[in-house]
Amino acid sequence: MIVTTTPTIEGRPAREYLGIVTGEVIVGANVFRDLFASITDIVGGRSGKYEQVLQRARKEALAEMESEAERLGGNAVIGVDIDYEVIGQSGSMLMVSCSGTAVLV
């Protein structure tokens, strides 16, 4: 499965446009991870735990989108957009969503 943010794939023209596909993942923030992340923010540096959660959520959202493209008969997704949103009353959850156009190349 080819997945790209570009509107076309160089040298591989789309033979058929199959429709918009999406993937969404919502993850909750762990209280202990929040505590350690705030300490990291105070002393400086990167928050490895949050980066791991973001990476996992992004990979899962992309995989969900790819699966939807396969169900439609596609072998590529073009024009992919990835979005991150903090949701929940206290901002305790993170949503990663992606969308693109499933195509057959």
Protein backbone atom coordinates (compact mmCIF):
# COMPACT_ATOMS: atom_id res chain seq x y z
CA MET A 1 0.00 0.00 0.00
CA ILE A 2 1.43 3.35 -1.05
CA VAL A 3 0.47 6.17 1.32
CA THR A 4 1.47 9.71 0.45
CA THR A 5 0.60 13.28 1.32
CA THR A 6 1.05 14.31 -2.30
CA PRO A 7 -1.94 14.49 -4.68
CA THR A 8 -0.32 12.10 -7.16
CA ILE A 9 2.26 9.34 -7.25
CA GLU A 10 5.02 10.12 -9.71
CA GLY A 11 5.09 7.63 -12.55
CA ARG A 12 2.00 5.79 -11.22
CA PRO A 13 -1.15 7.53 -12.44
CA ALA A 14 -4.39 6.72 -10.67
CA ARG A 15 -6.51 4.40 -12.80
CA GLU A 16 -9.51 4.70 -10.49
CA TYR A 17 -10.51 6.99 -7.62
CA LEU A 18 -12.35 4.96 -4.99
CA GLY A 19 -13.33 7.58 -2.43
CA ILE A 20 -12.28 9.24 0.79
CA VAL A 21 -10.92 6.98 3.52
CA THR A 22 -10.29 7.83 7.16
CA GLY A 23 -8.73 6.47 10.32
CA GLU A 24 -9.31 7.73 13.85
CA VAL A 25 -7.74 6.77 17.16
CA ILE A 26 -8.50 8.25 20.57
CA VAL A 27 -6.07 7.60 23.40
CA GLY A 28 -6.37 8.56 27.05
CA ALA A 29 -3.56 10.25 28.91
CA ASN A 30 -2.26 8.31 31.88
CA VAL A 31 -2.04 10.24 35.18
CA PHE A 32 1.50 9.01 35.91
CA ARG A 33 2.65 9.79 32.39
CA ASP A 34 1.21 13.30 32.84
CA LEU A 35 3.15 13.72 36.08
CA PHE A 36 6.45 12.66 34.52
CA ALA A 37 5.78 14.74 31.42
CA SER A 38 5.23 17.84 33.56
CA ILE A 39 8.53 17.19 35.36
CA THR A 40 10.23 16.88 31.96
CA ASP A 41 8.64 20.17 30.92
CA ILE A 42 9.98 21.88 34.06
CA VAL A 43 13.56 20.60 33.73
CA GLY A 44 13.58 20.69 29.93
CA GLY A 45 13.93 18.00 27.34
CA ARG A 46 11.55 15.81 25.42
CA SER A 47 8.72 13.74 26.84
CA GLY A 48 9.51 10.27 25.52
CA LYS A 49 6.32 8.69 26.88
CA TYR A 50 4.07 11.18 25.12
CA GLU A 51 6.07 10.78 21.93
CA GLN A 52 5.55 7.00 22.13
CA VAL A 53 1.79 7.44 22.61
CA LEU A 54 1.59 9.85 19.66
CA GLN A 55 3.60 7.53 17.45
CA ARG A 56 1.43 4.52 18.32
CA ALA A 57 -1.80 6.46 17.78
CA ARG A 58 -0.60 7.81 14.43
CA LYS A 59 0.43 4.35 13.22
CA GLU A 60 -2.93 2.87 14.27
CA ALA A 61 -4.91 5.65 12.55
CA LEU A 62 -2.91 5.21 9.34
CA ALA A 63 -3.36 1.42 9.48
CA GLU A 64 -7.13 1.88 9.89
CA MET A 65 -7.20 4.21 6.89
CA GLU A 66 -5.16 1.74 4.80
CA SER A 67 -7.53 -1.10 5.74
CA GLU A 68 -10.49 0.96 4.57
CA ALA A 69 -8.70 1.66 1.27
CA GLU A 70 -8.05 -2.08 0.80
CA ARG A 71 -11.73 -2.86 1.46
CA LEU A 72 -12.59 -0.48 -1.37
CA GLY A 73 -10.13 -2.27 -3.68
CA GLY A 74 -7.39 0.35 -3.54
CA ASN A 75 -3.65 -0.13 -3.45
CA ALA A 76 -2.72 3.45 -2.57
CA VAL A 77 -3.95 6.46 -0.59
CA ILE A 78 -3.08 9.94 -1.87
CA GLY A 79 -3.48 13.41 -0.38
CA VAL A 80 -3.18 12.13 3.18
CA ASP A 81 -3.72 14.64 5.99
CA ILE A 82 -2.97 13.82 9.64
CA ASP A 83 -4.56 15.86 12.43
CA TYR A 84 -4.05 15.86 16.20
CA GLU A 85 -6.71 17.16 18.62
CA VAL A 86 -6.94 17.28 22.40
CA ILE A 87 -10.47 16.33 23.47
CA GLY A 88 -12.43 15.65 26.64
CA GLN A 89 -13.61 17.99 29.36
CA SER A 90 -10.18 18.24 30.96
CA GLY A 91 -8.21 17.71 27.75
CA SER A 92 -7.30 14.25 28.98
CA MET A 93 -7.66 12.50 25.64
CA LEU A 94 -5.88 12.81 22.34
CA MET A 95 -7.45 12.10 18.97
CA VAL A 96 -5.33 11.36 15.92
CA SER A 97 -7.25 11.33 12.65
CA CYS A 98 -6.13 10.93 9.09
CA SER A 99 -7.88 11.05 5.77
CA GLY A 100 -7.01 10.66 2.12
CA THR A 101 -8.28 9.42 -1.19
CA ALA A 102 -8.15 5.70 -1.93
CA VAL A 103 -7.00 4.99 -5.47
CA LEU A 104 -6.04 2.10 -7.68
CA VAL A 105 -2.71 2.72 -9.43
